Amino acid sequence: MFATSHPAMSRAARRLGTLFATWRDRHRERQQLAAMGERELRDIGLAASDIRSEISKPFWRG
């Protein structure tokens, strides 16, 4: 109710929702990369060494 009556609050709520969705997507993608085997990684053009730094990042880091 409050967010719909104040455009700034509505924008902030949308931005926060987008941020949470981005974090969720990063977390999910990094979990999927971590679960891949060497062959799967080669199929997408990556090596385990390529993804180590990516999967070690916290979800809030891009």
C-alpha atoms as a PDB file:
ATOM      1  CA  MET A   1       0.000   0.000   0.000  1.00  0.00           C
ATOM      2  CA  PHE A   2       2.669   2.522   0.991  1.00  0.00           C
ATOM      3  CA  ALA A   3       4.945   1.792  -1.981  1.00  0.00           C
ATOM      4  CA  THR A   4       2.179   2.379  -4.508  1.00  0.00           C
ATOM      5  CA  SER A   5       1.360   5.804  -3.099  1.00  0.00           C
ATOM      6  CA  HIS A   6       4.974   7.032  -3.226  1.00  0.00           C
ATOM      7  CA  PRO A   7       6.767   6.670  -6.580  1.00  0.00           C
ATOM      8  CA  ALA A   8      10.234   6.884  -4.995  1.00  0.00           C
ATOM      9  CA  MET A   9       9.424   3.992  -2.672  1.00  0.00           C
ATOM     10  CA  SER A  10       8.017   2.018  -5.587  1.00  0.00           C
ATOM     11  CA  ARG A  11      11.212   2.563  -7.599  1.00  0.00           C
ATOM     12  CA  ALA A  12      13.334   1.587  -4.615  1.00  0.00           C
ATOM     13  CA  ALA A  13      11.305  -1.586  -4.110  1.00  0.00           C
ATOM     14  CA  ARG A  14      11.702  -2.522  -7.794  1.00  0.00           C
ATOM     15  CA  ARG A  15      15.437  -1.877  -7.674  1.00  0.00           C
ATOM     16  CA  LEU A  16      15.745  -3.966  -4.536  1.00  0.00           C
ATOM     17  CA  GLY A  17      13.779  -6.775  -6.170  1.00  0.00           C
ATOM     18  CA  THR A  18      16.039  -6.608  -9.219  1.00  0.00           C
ATOM     19  CA  LEU A  19      19.118  -6.694  -7.012  1.00  0.00           C
ATOM     20  CA  PHE A  20      17.871  -9.776  -5.144  1.00  0.00           C
ATOM     21  CA  ALA A  21      17.064 -11.496  -8.445  1.00  0.00           C
ATOM     22  CA  THR A  22      20.575 -10.744  -9.733  1.00  0.00           C
ATOM     23  CA  TRP A  23      22.127 -12.163  -6.567  1.00  0.00           C
ATOM     24  CA  ARG A  24      19.953 -15.297  -6.817  1.00  0.00           C
ATOM     25  CA  ASP A  25      20.942 -15.782 -10.467  1.00  0.00           C
ATOM     26  CA  ARG A  26      24.655 -15.388  -9.713  1.00  0.00           C
ATOM     27  CA  HIS A  27      24.434 -17.871  -6.869  1.00  0.00           C
ATOM     28  CA  ARG A  28      22.598 -20.409  -9.029  1.00  0.00           C
ATOM     29  CA  GLU A  29      24.989 -19.994 -11.979  1.00  0.00           C
ATOM     30  CA  ARG A  30      28.044 -20.424  -9.754  1.00  0.00           C
ATOM     31  CA  GLN A  31      26.546 -23.549  -8.205  1.00  0.00           C
ATOM     32  CA  GLN A  32      25.969 -24.953 -11.681  1.00  0.00           C
ATOM     33  CA  LEU A  33      29.537 -24.167 -12.744  1.00  0.00           C
ATOM     34  CA  ALA A  34      30.901 -25.787  -9.588  1.00  0.00           C
ATOM     35  CA  ALA A  35      28.916 -28.958 -10.306  1.00  0.00           C
ATOM     36  CA  MET A  36      30.237 -29.325 -13.859  1.00  0.00           C
ATOM     37  CA  GLY A  37      32.855 -31.903 -14.711  1.00  0.00           C
ATOM     38  CA  GLU A  38      35.949 -31.373 -16.843  1.00  0.00           C
ATOM     39  CA  ARG A  39      34.217 -32.622 -19.981  1.00  0.00           C
ATOM     40  CA  GLU A  40      31.192 -30.358 -19.522  1.00  0.00           C
ATOM     41  CA  LEU A  41      33.475 -27.399 -18.937  1.00  0.00           C
ATOM     42  CA  ARG A  42      35.471 -28.213 -22.081  1.00  0.00           C
ATOM     43  CA  ASP A  43      32.189 -28.415 -24.022  1.00  0.00           C
ATOM     44  CA  ILE A  44      31.469 -24.784 -23.142  1.00  0.00           C
ATOM     45  CA  GLY A  45      35.062 -23.714 -23.719  1.00  0.00           C
ATOM     46  CA  LEU A  46      36.244 -23.501 -20.113  1.00  0.00           C
ATOM     47  CA  ALA A  47      38.710 -25.294 -17.865  1.00  0.00           C
ATOM     48  CA  ALA A  48      38.468 -25.832 -14.123  1.00  0.00           C
ATOM     49  CA  SER A  49      41.183 -23.224 -13.632  1.00  0.00           C
ATOM     50  CA  ASP A  50      39.035 -20.711 -15.532  1.00  0.00           C
ATOM     51  CA  ILE A  51      36.143 -20.989 -13.114  1.00  0.00           C
ATOM     52  CA  ARG A  52      37.894 -21.277  -9.743  1.00  0.00           C
ATOM     53  CA  SER A  53      37.904 -17.552  -9.120  1.00  0.00           C
ATOM     54  CA  GLU A  54      34.324 -17.163 -10.377  1.00  0.00           C
ATOM     55  CA  ILE A  55      32.834 -19.845  -8.144  1.00  0.00           C
ATOM     56  CA  SER A  56      34.721 -18.608  -5.092  1.00  0.00           C
ATOM     57  CA  LYS A  57      33.120 -15.148  -5.311  1.00  0.00           C
ATOM     58  CA  PRO A  58      30.271 -14.295  -2.946  1.00  0.00           C
ATOM     59  CA  PHE A  59      26.901 -13.880  -4.655  1.00  0.00           C
ATOM     60  CA  TRP A  60      26.923 -10.091  -4.289  1.00  0.00           C
ATOM     61  CA  ARG A  61      30.098  -9.713  -6.352  1.00  0.00           C
ATOM     62  CA  GLY A  62      29.713  -9.546 -10.102  1.00  0.00           C
END
